[in-house]
Amino acid sequence: MEENNHENQLNIELSEEVAEGIYSNLAIITHSPSEFVIDFVKIMPGMPKARVKSRILLTPQHAKRLMMALSENLMKYEQLHGKIKEADINALPLNFGGPKGQA
């Protein structure tokens, strides 16, 4: 029976570049009948443009599994660290109201 468990294991590789991660402070989600697209964006204060830093495509089934996994992990996080305060979405303009960037 132990041999069967080894056959069901998945070996996942994580390259150094991917392990560094990409910071995102905005996610834009769109969907079609066959897929969900999540664009992760980094918005910088005072900058008129923001770039998509990463795009993830998921089947509807995987999108639902991701939602359930995030929900479960958020619940565990709040049990350990306390309730996460939700920012008022209308309080933050997309440019954060900061000064324009200069070179």
PDB file of N, CA and C in Angstrom:
ATOM      1  N   MET A   1       0.823  -1.193   0.000  1.00  0.00           N
ATOM      2  CA  MET A   1       0.000   0.000   0.000  1.00  0.00           C
ATOM      3  C   MET A   1       0.870   1.261   0.000  1.00  0.00           C
ATOM      4  N   GLU A   2       2.017   1.197   0.637  1.00  0.00           N
ATOM      5  CA  GLU A   2       2.910   2.348   0.682  1.00  0.00           C
ATOM      6  C   GLU A   2       3.413   2.718  -0.713  1.00  0.00           C
ATOM      7  N   GLU A   3       3.664   1.699  -1.570  1.00  0.00           N
ATOM      8  CA  GLU A   3       4.117   1.955  -2.927  1.00  0.00           C
ATOM      9  C   GLU A   3       3.065   2.741  -3.707  1.00  0.00           C
ATOM     10  N   ASN A   4       1.797   2.449  -3.499  1.00  0.00           N
ATOM     11  CA  ASN A   4       0.714   3.142  -4.182  1.00  0.00           C
ATOM     12  C   ASN A   4       0.708   4.623  -3.822  1.00  0.00           C
ATOM     13  N   ASN A   5       1.004   4.978  -2.570  1.00  0.00           N
ATOM     14  CA  ASN A   5       1.054   6.373  -2.155  1.00  0.00           C
ATOM     15  C   ASN A   5       2.145   7.120  -2.896  1.00  0.00           C
ATOM     16  N   HIS A   6       3.291   6.492  -3.136  1.00  0.00           N
ATOM     17  CA  HIS A   6       4.375   7.131  -3.860  1.00  0.00           C
ATOM     18  C   HIS A   6       4.001   7.388  -5.313  1.00  0.00           C
ATOM     19  N   GLU A   7       3.195   6.510  -5.896  1.00  0.00           N
ATOM     20  CA  GLU A   7       2.763   6.682  -7.275  1.00  0.00           C
ATOM     21  C   GLU A   7       1.826   7.879  -7.423  1.00  0.00           C
ATOM     22  N   ASN A   8       1.088   8.220  -6.381  1.00  0.00           N
ATOM     23  CA  ASN A   8       0.133   9.323  -6.435  1.00  0.00           C
ATOM     24  C   ASN A   8       0.746  10.666  -6.068  1.00  0.00           C
ATOM     25  N   GLN A   9       2.029  10.698  -5.717  1.00  0.00           N
ATOM     26  CA  GLN A   9       2.666  11.953  -5.346  1.00  0.00           C
ATOM     27  C   GLN A   9       3.028  12.748  -6.587  1.00  0.00           C
ATOM     28  N   LEU A  10       2.949  14.057  -6.481  1.00  0.00           N
ATOM     29  CA  LEU A  10       3.300  14.945  -7.570  1.00  0.00           C
ATOM     30  C   LEU A  10       4.549  15.721  -7.166  1.00  0.00           C
ATOM     31  N   ASN A  11       5.553  15.664  -7.989  1.00  0.00           N
ATOM     32  CA  ASN A  11       6.790  16.383  -7.736  1.00  0.00           C
ATOM     33  C   ASN A  11       6.677  17.756  -8.403  1.00  0.00           C
ATOM     34  N   ILE A  12       6.647  18.816  -7.610  1.00  0.00           N
ATOM     35  CA  ILE A  12       6.490  20.176  -8.127  1.00  0.00           C
ATOM     36  C   ILE A  12       7.819  20.904  -8.005  1.00  0.00           C
ATOM     37  N   GLU A  13       8.279  21.466  -9.127  1.00  0.00           N
ATOM     38  CA  GLU A  13       9.525  22.219  -9.151  1.00  0.00           C
ATOM     39  C   GLU A  13       9.234  23.698  -9.029  1.00  0.00           C
ATOM     40  N   LEU A  14      10.089  24.419  -8.326  1.00  0.00           N
ATOM     41  CA  LEU A  14       9.961  25.866  -8.163  1.00  0.00           C
ATOM     42  C   LEU A  14      11.298  26.487  -8.500  1.00  0.00           C
ATOM     43  N   SER A  15      11.360  27.180  -9.635  1.00  0.00           N
ATOM     44  CA  SER A  15      12.621  27.806 -10.040  1.00  0.00           C
ATOM     45  C   SER A  15      12.920  28.985  -9.122  1.00  0.00           C
ATOM     46  N   GLU A  16      14.186  29.397  -9.085  1.00  0.00           N
ATOM     47  CA  GLU A  16      14.571  30.539  -8.243  1.00  0.00           C
ATOM     48  C   GLU A  16      13.834  31.800  -8.655  1.00  0.00           C
ATOM     49  N   GLU A  17      13.693  32.005  -9.955  1.00  0.00           N
ATOM     50  CA  GLU A  17      13.020  33.207 -10.457  1.00  0.00           C
ATOM     51  C   GLU A  17      11.566  33.258  -9.999  1.00  0.00           C
ATOM     52  N   VAL A  18      10.860  32.147 -10.116  1.00  0.00           N
ATOM     53  CA  VAL A  18       9.456  32.104  -9.712  1.00  0.00           C
ATOM     54  C   VAL A  18       9.338  32.180  -8.192  1.00  0.00           C
ATOM     55  N   ALA A  19      10.296  31.592  -7.479  1.00  0.00           N
ATOM     56  CA  ALA A  19      10.266  31.591  -6.016  1.00  0.00           C
ATOM     57  C   ALA A  19      10.357  33.004  -5.441  1.00  0.00           C
ATOM     58  N   GLU A  20      10.955  33.928  -6.181  1.00  0.00           N
ATOM     59  CA  GLU A  20      11.047  35.321  -5.714  1.00  0.00           C
ATOM     60  C   GLU A  20       9.681  35.973  -5.616  1.00  0.00           C
ATOM     61  N   GLY A  21       8.747  35.533  -6.439  1.00  0.00           N
ATOM     62  CA  GLY A  21       7.392  36.068  -6.407  1.00  0.00           C
ATOM     63  C   GLY A  21       7.283  37.405  -7.118  1.00  0.00           C
ATOM     64  N   ILE A  22       6.053  37.829  -7.332  1.00  0.00           N
ATOM     65  CA  ILE A  22       5.753  39.107  -7.967  1.00  0.00           C
ATOM     66  C   ILE A  22       4.743  39.814  -7.087  1.00  0.00           C
ATOM     67  N   TYR A  23       5.039  41.065  -6.709  1.00  0.00           N
ATOM     68  CA  TYR A  23       4.129  41.837  -5.869  1.00  0.00           C
ATOM     69  C   TYR A  23       2.958  42.348  -6.710  1.00  0.00           C
ATOM     70  N   SER A  24       1.772  42.258  -6.154  1.00  0.00           N
ATOM     71  CA  SER A  24       0.571  42.773  -6.799  1.00  0.00           C
ATOM     72  C   SER A  24      -0.325  43.394  -5.739  1.00  0.00           C
ATOM     73  N   ASN A  25      -0.903  44.561  -6.063  1.00  0.00           N
ATOM     74  CA  ASN A  25      -1.857  45.169  -5.141  1.00  0.00           C
ATOM     75  C   ASN A  25      -3.222  45.395  -5.805  1.00  0.00           C
ATOM     76  N   LEU A  26      -3.420  44.726  -6.936  1.00  0.00           N
ATOM     77  CA  LEU A  26      -4.712  44.768  -7.620  1.00  0.00           C
ATOM     78  C   LEU A  26      -4.849  43.508  -8.465  1.00  0.00           C
ATOM     79  N   ALA A  27      -6.010  42.883  -8.418  1.00  0.00           N
ATOM     80  CA  ALA A  27      -6.302  41.747  -9.282  1.00  0.00           C
ATOM     81  C   ALA A  27      -7.563  42.062 -10.071  1.00  0.00           C
ATOM     82  N   ILE A  28      -7.502  41.840 -11.371  1.00  0.00           N
ATOM     83  CA  ILE A  28      -8.651  42.054 -12.242  1.00  0.00           C
ATOM     84  C   ILE A  28      -9.076  40.685 -12.770  1.00  0.00           C
ATOM     85  N   ILE A  29     -10.324  40.335 -12.559  1.00  0.00           N
ATOM     86  CA  ILE A  29     -10.816  39.007 -12.929  1.00  0.00           C
ATOM     87  C   ILE A  29     -11.857  39.145 -14.030  1.00  0.00           C
ATOM     88  N   THR A  30     -11.644  38.404 -15.113  1.00  0.00           N
ATOM     89  CA  THR A  30     -12.623  38.334 -16.198  1.00  0.00           C
ATOM     90  C   THR A  30     -12.871  36.859 -16.499  1.00  0.00           C
ATOM     91  N   HIS A  31     -13.930  36.588 -17.233  1.00  0.00           N
ATOM     92  CA  HIS A  31     -14.207  35.187 -17.545  1.00  0.00           C
ATOM     93  C   HIS A  31     -14.991  35.054 -18.836  1.00  0.00           C
ATOM     94  N   SER A  32     -14.890  33.882 -19.398  1.00  0.00           N
ATOM     95  CA  SER A  32     -15.681  33.475 -20.554  1.00  0.00           C
ATOM     96  C   SER A  32     -16.378  32.183 -20.136  1.00  0.00           C
ATOM     97  N   PRO A  33     -17.159  31.573 -21.002  1.00  0.00           N
ATOM     98  CA  PRO A  33     -17.792  30.304 -20.612  1.00  0.00           C
ATOM     99  C   PRO A  33     -16.784  29.193 -20.293  1.00  0.00           C
ATOM    100  N   SER A  34     -15.573  29.294 -20.833  1.00  0.00           N
ATOM    101  CA  SER A  34     -14.618  28.194 -20.664  1.00  0.00           C
ATOM    102  C   SER A  34     -13.415  28.502 -19.789  1.00  0.00           C
ATOM    103  N   GLU A  35     -13.215  29.765 -19.376  1.00  0.00           N
ATOM    104  CA  GLU A  35     -12.030  30.074 -18.587  1.00  0.00           C
ATOM    105  C   GLU A  35     -12.203  31.332 -17.749  1.00  0.00           C
ATOM    106  N   PHE A  36     -11.414  31.402 -16.683  1.00  0.00           N
ATOM    107  CA  PHE A  36     -11.283  32.595 -15.867  1.00  0.00           C
ATOM    108  C   PHE A  36      -9.886  33.139 -16.098  1.00  0.00           C
ATOM    109  N   VAL A  37      -9.768  34.462 -16.195  1.00  0.00           N
ATOM    110  CA  VAL A  37      -8.481  35.108 -16.378  1.00  0.00           C
ATOM    111  C   VAL A  37      -8.284  36.048 -15.183  1.00  0.00           C
ATOM    112  N   ILE A  38      -7.169  35.877 -14.481  1.00  0.00           N
ATOM    113  CA  ILE A  38      -6.840  36.759 -13.360  1.00  0.00           C
ATOM    114  C   ILE A  38      -5.566  37.504 -13.729  1.00  0.00           C
ATOM    115  N   ASP A  39      -5.673  38.827 -13.863  1.00  0.00           N
ATOM    116  CA  ASP A  39      -4.524  39.681 -14.120  1.00  0.00           C
ATOM    117  C   ASP A  39      -4.093  40.307 -12.807  1.00  0.00           C
ATOM    118  N   PHE A  40      -2.838  40.093 -12.447  1.00  0.00           N
ATOM    119  CA  PHE A  40      -2.273  40.681 -11.241  1.00  0.00           C
ATOM    120  C   PHE A  40      -1.499  41.925 -11.640  1.00  0.00           C
ATOM    121  N   VAL A  41      -1.849  43.058 -11.027  1.00  0.00           N
ATOM    122  CA  VAL A  41      -1.327  44.361 -11.405  1.00  0.00           C
ATOM    123  C   VAL A  41      -0.614  44.981 -10.209  1.00  0.00           C
ATOM    124  N   LYS A  42       0.432  45.757 -10.487  1.00  0.00           N
ATOM    125  CA  LYS A  42       1.100  46.549  -9.448  1.00  0.00           C
ATOM    126  C   LYS A  42       0.858  48.014  -9.773  1.00  0.00           C
ATOM    127  N   ILE A  43       0.133  48.693  -8.880  1.00  0.00           N
ATOM    128  CA  ILE A  43      -0.141  50.122  -9.030  1.00  0.00           C
ATOM    129  C   ILE A  43       0.832  50.878  -8.139  1.00  0.00           C
ATOM    130  N   MET A  44       1.484  51.889  -8.694  1.00  0.00           N
ATOM    131  CA  MET A  44       2.417  52.699  -7.918  1.00  0.00           C
ATOM    132  C   MET A  44       1.814  54.086  -7.706  1.00  0.00           C
ATOM    133  N   PRO A  45       1.974  54.648  -6.508  1.00  0.00           N
ATOM    134  CA  PRO A  45       1.418  55.972  -6.217  1.00  0.00           C
ATOM    135  C   PRO A  45       1.917  57.022  -7.208  1.00  0.00           C
ATOM    136  N   GLY A  46       0.988  57.838  -7.701  1.00  0.00           N
ATOM    137  CA  GLY A  46       1.335  58.948  -8.568  1.00  0.00           C
ATOM    138  C   GLY A  46       1.639  58.567 -10.010  1.00  0.00           C
ATOM    139  N   MET A  47       1.587  57.302 -10.322  1.00  0.00           N
ATOM    140  CA  MET A  47       1.883  56.868 -11.689  1.00  0.00           C
ATOM    141  C   MET A  47       0.567  56.724 -12.452  1.00  0.00           C
ATOM    142  N   PRO A  48       0.478  57.324 -13.646  1.00  0.00           N
ATOM    143  CA  PRO A  48      -0.776  57.264 -14.396  1.00  0.00           C
ATOM    144  C   PRO A  48      -1.042  55.905 -15.039  1.00  0.00           C
ATOM    145  N   LYS A  49      -0.022  55.058 -15.140  1.00  0.00           N
ATOM    146  CA  LYS A  49      -0.171  53.744 -15.763  1.00  0.00           C
ATOM    147  C   LYS A  49       0.168  52.647 -14.773  1.00  0.00           C
ATOM    148  N   ALA A  50      -0.456  51.510 -14.965  1.00  0.00           N
ATOM    149  CA  ALA A  50      -0.121  50.325 -14.176  1.00  0.00           C
ATOM    150  C   ALA A  50       0.056  49.175 -15.145  1.00  0.00           C
ATOM    151  N   ARG A  51       0.948  48.255 -14.819  1.00  0.00           N
ATOM    152  CA  ARG A  51       1.225  47.126 -15.701  1.00  0.00           C
ATOM    153  C   ARG A  51       0.721  45.828 -15.104  1.00  0.00           C
ATOM    154  N   VAL A  52       0.217  44.971 -15.972  1.00  0.00           N
ATOM    155  CA  VAL A  52      -0.099  43.614 -15.558  1.00  0.00           C
ATOM    156  C   VAL A  52       1.240  42.915 -15.350  1.00  0.00           C
ATOM    157  N   LYS A  53       1.457  42.391 -14.147  1.00  0.00           N
ATOM    158  CA  LYS A  53       2.716  41.723 -13.827  1.00  0.00           C
ATOM    159  C   LYS A  53       2.647  40.227 -14.072  1.00  0.00           C
ATOM    160  N   SER A  54       1.427  39.671 -14.009  1.00  0.00           N
ATOM    161  CA  SER A  54       1.250  38.243 -14.234  1.00  0.00           C
ATOM    162  C   SER A  54      -0.199  37.977 -14.609  1.00  0.00           C
ATOM    163  N   ARG A  55      -0.405  37.010 -15.494  1.00  0.00           N
ATOM    164  CA  ARG A  55      -1.754  36.612 -15.901  1.00  0.00           C
ATOM    165  C   ARG A  55      -1.883  35.115 -15.685  1.00  0.00           C
ATOM    166  N   ILE A  56      -2.954  34.714 -15.003  1.00  0.00           N
ATOM    167  CA  ILE A  56      -3.221  33.308 -14.736  1.00  0.00           C
ATOM    168  C   ILE A  56      -4.549  32.949 -15.412  1.00  0.00           C
ATOM    169  N   LEU A  57      -4.545  31.860 -16.167  1.00  0.00           N
ATOM    170  CA  LEU A  57      -5.766  31.359 -16.800  1.00  0.00           C
ATOM    171  C   LEU A  57      -6.171  30.073 -16.107  1.00  0.00           C
ATOM    172  N   LEU A  58      -7.463  29.978 -15.761  1.00  0.00           N
ATOM    173  CA  LEU A  58      -7.983  28.825 -15.035  1.00  0.00           C
ATOM    174  C   LEU A  58      -9.269  28.333 -15.669  1.00  0.00           C
ATOM    175  N   THR A  59      -9.514  27.029 -15.565  1.00  0.00           N
ATOM    176  CA  THR A  59     -10.832  26.518 -15.931  1.00  0.00           C
ATOM    177  C   THR A  59     -11.808  26.964 -14.840  1.00  0.00           C
ATOM    178  N   PRO A  60     -13.108  26.992 -15.127  1.00  0.00           N
ATOM    179  CA  PRO A  60     -14.071  27.343 -14.075  1.00  0.00           C
ATOM    180  C   PRO A  60     -13.946  26.442 -12.841  1.00  0.00           C
ATOM    181  N   GLN A  61     -13.676  25.157 -13.047  1.00  0.00           N
ATOM    182  CA  GLN A  61     -13.538  24.234 -11.922  1.00  0.00           C
ATOM    183  C   GLN A  61     -12.326  24.601 -11.064  1.00  0.00           C
ATOM    184  N   HIS A  62     -11.202  24.938 -11.703  1.00  0.00           N
ATOM    185  CA  HIS A  62     -10.018  25.321 -10.936  1.00  0.00           C
ATOM    186  C   HIS A  62     -10.203  26.682 -10.263  1.00  0.00           C
ATOM    187  N   ALA A  63     -10.940  27.583 -10.913  1.00  0.00           N
ATOM    188  CA  ALA A  63     -11.226  28.879 -10.291  1.00  0.00           C
ATOM    189  C   ALA A  63     -12.039  28.676  -9.007  1.00  0.00           C
ATOM    190  N   LYS A  64     -12.984  27.758  -9.051  1.00  0.00           N
ATOM    191  CA  LYS A  64     -13.795  27.494  -7.860  1.00  0.00           C
ATOM    192  C   LYS A  64     -12.944  26.861  -6.759  1.00  0.00           C
ATOM    193  N   ARG A  65     -12.048  25.935  -7.142  1.00  0.00           N
ATOM    194  CA  ARG A  65     -11.146  25.340  -6.143  1.00  0.00           C
ATOM    195  C   ARG A  65     -10.233  26.394  -5.532  1.00  0.00           C
ATOM    196  N   LEU A  66      -9.747  27.327  -6.346  1.00  0.00           N
ATOM    197  CA  LEU A  66      -8.904  28.413  -5.839  1.00  0.00           C
ATOM    198  C   LEU A  66      -9.683  29.270  -4.849  1.00  0.00           C
ATOM    199  N   MET A  67     -10.927  29.603  -5.197  1.00  0.00           N
ATOM    200  CA  MET A  67     -11.763  30.405  -4.301  1.00  0.00           C
ATOM    201  C   MET A  67     -11.955  29.694  -2.954  1.00  0.00           C
ATOM    202  N   MET A  68     -12.234  28.394  -2.999  1.00  0.00           N
ATOM    203  CA  MET A  68     -12.439  27.645  -1.753  1.00  0.00           C
ATOM    204  C   MET A  68     -11.141  27.562  -0.941  1.00  0.00           C
ATOM    205  N   ALA A  69     -10.005  27.367  -1.616  1.00  0.00           N
ATOM    206  CA  ALA A  69      -8.719  27.290  -0.914  1.00  0.00           C
ATOM    207  C   ALA A  69      -8.367  28.640  -0.301  1.00  0.00           C
ATOM    208  N   LEU A  70      -8.609  29.738  -1.027  1.00  0.00           N
ATOM    209  CA  LEU A  70      -8.348  31.075  -0.472  1.00  0.00           C
ATOM    210  C   LEU A  70      -9.243  31.344   0.734  1.00  0.00           C
ATOM    211  N   SER A  71     -10.516  30.983   0.618  1.00  0.00           N
ATOM    212  CA  SER A  71     -11.462  31.183   1.716  1.00  0.00           C
ATOM    213  C   SER A  71     -11.008  30.424   2.966  1.00  0.00           C
ATOM    214  N   GLU A  72     -10.624  29.169   2.781  1.00  0.00           N
ATOM    215  CA  GLU A  72     -10.162  28.356   3.909  1.00  0.00           C
ATOM    216  C   GLU A  72      -8.895  28.941   4.533  1.00  0.00           C
ATOM    217  N   ASN A  73      -7.962  29.379   3.694  1.00  0.00           N
ATOM    218  CA  ASN A  73      -6.715  29.929   4.211  1.00  0.00           C
ATOM    219  C   ASN A  73      -6.917  31.287   4.873  1.00  0.00           C
ATOM    220  N   LEU A  74      -7.829  32.105   4.359  1.00  0.00           N
ATOM    221  CA  LEU A  74      -8.136  33.378   5.009  1.00  0.00           C
ATOM    222  C   LEU A  74      -8.748  33.141   6.388  1.00  0.00           C
ATOM    223  N   MET A  75      -9.632  32.149   6.491  1.00  0.00           N
ATOM    224  CA  MET A  75     -10.241  31.815   7.771  1.00  0.00           C
ATOM    225  C   MET A  75      -9.155  31.390   8.773  1.00  0.00           C
ATOM    226  N   LYS A  76      -8.231  30.523   8.344  1.00  0.00           N
ATOM    227  CA  LYS A  76      -7.135  30.079   9.223  1.00  0.00           C
ATOM    228  C   LYS A  76      -6.236  31.250   9.607  1.00  0.00           C
ATOM    229  N   TYR A  77      -5.943  32.129   8.666  1.00  0.00           N
ATOM    230  CA  TYR A  77      -5.110  33.307   8.930  1.00  0.00           C
ATOM    231  C   TYR A  77      -5.757  34.179  10.008  1.00  0.00           C
ATOM    232  N   GLU A  78      -7.070  34.452   9.839  1.00  0.00           N
ATOM    233  CA  GLU A  78      -7.760  35.317  10.801  1.00  0.00           C
ATOM    234  C   GLU A  78      -7.872  34.665  12.176  1.00  0.00           C
ATOM    235  N   GLN A  79      -7.946  33.345  12.230  1.00  0.00           N
ATOM    236  CA  GLN A  79      -7.957  32.664  13.525  1.00  0.00           C
ATOM    237  C   GLN A  79      -6.634  32.871  14.254  1.00  0.00           C
ATOM    238  N   LEU A  80      -5.542  32.898  13.516  1.00  0.00           N
ATOM    239  CA  LEU A  80      -4.212  33.082  14.121  1.00  0.00           C
ATOM    240  C   LEU A  80      -3.860  34.540  14.372  1.00  0.00           C
ATOM    241  N   HIS A  81      -4.231  35.434  13.436  1.00  0.00           N
ATOM    242  CA  HIS A  81      -3.727  36.809  13.461  1.00  0.00           C
ATOM    243  C   HIS A  81      -4.796  37.865  13.671  1.00  0.00           C
ATOM    244  N   GLY A  82      -6.038  37.478  13.764  1.00  0.00           N
ATOM    245  CA  GLY A  82      -7.115  38.453  13.931  1.00  0.00           C
ATOM    246  C   GLY A  82      -7.732  38.833  12.592  1.00  0.00           C
ATOM    247  N   LYS A  83      -8.885  39.463  12.678  1.00  0.00           N
ATOM    248  CA  LYS A  83      -9.647  39.821  11.481  1.00  0.00           C
ATOM    249  C   LYS A  83      -8.860  40.805  10.614  1.00  0.00           C
ATOM    250  N   ILE A  84      -8.910  40.574   9.319  1.00  0.00           N
ATOM    251  CA  ILE A  84      -8.267  41.461   8.346  1.00  0.00           C
ATOM    252  C   ILE A  84      -9.211  42.626   8.098  1.00  0.00           C
ATOM    253  N   LYS A  85      -8.697  43.854   8.242  1.00  0.00           N
ATOM    254  CA  LYS A  85      -9.509  45.037   7.977  1.00  0.00           C
ATOM    255  C   LYS A  85      -9.636  45.220   6.476  1.00  0.00           C
ATOM    256  N   GLU A  86     -10.866  45.465   6.026  1.00  0.00           N
ATOM    257  CA  GLU A  86     -11.096  45.703   4.605  1.00  0.00           C
ATOM    258  C   GLU A  86     -11.020  47.191   4.342  1.00  0.00           C
ATOM    259  N   ALA A  87     -10.204  47.582   3.360  1.00  0.00           N
ATOM    260  CA  ALA A  87     -10.097  48.983   2.978  1.00  0.00           C
ATOM    261  C   ALA A  87     -11.337  49.380   2.201  1.00  0.00           C
ATOM    262  N   ASP A  88     -11.763  50.614   2.374  1.00  0.00           N
ATOM    263  CA  ASP A  88     -12.888  51.138   1.606  1.00  0.00           C
ATOM    264  C   ASP A  88     -12.412  51.339   0.175  1.00  0.00           C
ATOM    265  N   ILE A  89     -12.966  50.584  -0.744  1.00  0.00           N
ATOM    266  CA  ILE A  89     -12.520  50.614  -2.138  1.00  0.00           C
ATOM    267  C   ILE A  89     -12.657  52.010  -2.744  1.00  0.00           C
ATOM    268  N   ASN A  90     -13.624  52.805  -2.287  1.00  0.00           N
ATOM    269  CA  ASN A  90     -13.815  54.158  -2.817  1.00  0.00           C
ATOM    270  C   ASN A  90     -12.836  55.153  -2.219  1.00  0.00           C
ATOM    271  N   ALA A  91     -12.140  54.770  -1.152  1.00  0.00           N
ATOM    272  CA  ALA A  91     -11.222  55.695  -0.491  1.00  0.00           C
ATOM    273  C   ALA A  91      -9.888  55.806  -1.218  1.00  0.00           C
ATOM    274  N   LEU A  92      -9.552  54.839  -2.061  1.00  0.00           N
ATOM    275  CA  LEU A  92      -8.267  54.854  -2.750  1.00  0.00           C
ATOM    276  C   LEU A  92      -8.452  55.082  -4.245  1.00  0.00           C
ATOM    277  N   PRO A  93      -8.137  56.291  -4.726  1.00  0.00           N
ATOM    278  CA  PRO A  93      -8.180  56.466  -6.173  1.00  0.00           C
ATOM    279  C   PRO A  93      -7.070  55.637  -6.805  1.00  0.00           C
ATOM    280  N   LEU A  94      -7.220  55.272  -8.066  1.00  0.00           N
ATOM    281  CA  LEU A  94      -6.241  54.414  -8.703  1.00  0.00           C
ATOM    282  C   LEU A  94      -4.834  54.986  -8.696  1.00  0.00           C
ATOM    283  N   ASN A  95      -4.678  56.311  -8.677  1.00  0.00           N
ATOM    284  CA  ASN A  95      -3.325  56.884  -8.637  1.00  0.00           C
ATOM    285  C   ASN A  95      -2.894  57.193  -7.213  1.00  0.00           C
ATOM    286  N   PHE A  96      -3.666  56.819  -6.225  1.00  0.00           N
ATOM    287  CA  PHE A  96      -3.407  57.030  -4.798  1.00  0.00           C
ATOM    288  C   PHE A  96      -3.266  58.506  -4.442  1.00  0.00           C
ATOM    289  N   GLY A  97      -3.511  59.404  -5.371  1.00  0.00           N
ATOM    290  CA  GLY A  97      -3.470  60.832  -5.083  1.00  0.00           C
ATOM    291  C   GLY A  97      -2.062  61.363  -4.852  1.00  0.00           C
ATOM    292  N   GLY A  98      -1.057  60.585  -5.160  1.00  0.00           N
ATOM    293  CA  GLY A  98       0.321  61.037  -4.948  1.00  0.00           C
ATOM    294  C   GLY A  98       0.811  61.927  -6.058  1.00  0.00           C
ATOM    295  N   PRO A  99       2.007  62.476  -5.890  1.00  0.00           N
ATOM    296  CA  PRO A  99       2.567  63.344  -6.925  1.00  0.00           C
ATOM    297  C   PRO A  99       2.939  62.528  -8.156  1.00  0.00           C
ATOM    298  N   LYS A 100       3.001  63.199  -9.293  1.00  0.00           N
ATOM    299  CA  LYS A 100       3.389  62.544 -10.539  1.00  0.00           C
ATOM    300  C   LYS A 100       4.868  62.184 -10.467  1.00  0.00           C
ATOM    301  N   GLY A 101       5.220  61.037 -11.007  1.00  0.00           N
ATOM    302  CA  GLY A 101       6.613  60.617 -11.031  1.00  0.00           C
ATOM    303  C   GLY A 101       7.451  61.460 -11.971  1.00  0.00           C
ATOM    304  N   GLN A 102       8.677  61.701 -11.600  1.00  0.00           N
ATOM    305  CA  GLN A 102       9.582  62.469 -12.433  1.00  0.00           C
ATOM    306  C   GLN A 102      10.883  61.726 -12.612  1.00  0.00           C
ATOM    307  N   ALA A 103      11.497  61.912 -13.762  1.00  0.00           N
ATOM    308  CA  ALA A 103      12.783  61.260 -14.015  1.00  0.00           C
ATOM    309  C   ALA A 103      13.917  62.224 -13.777  1.00  0.00           C
TER     310      ALA A 103
END
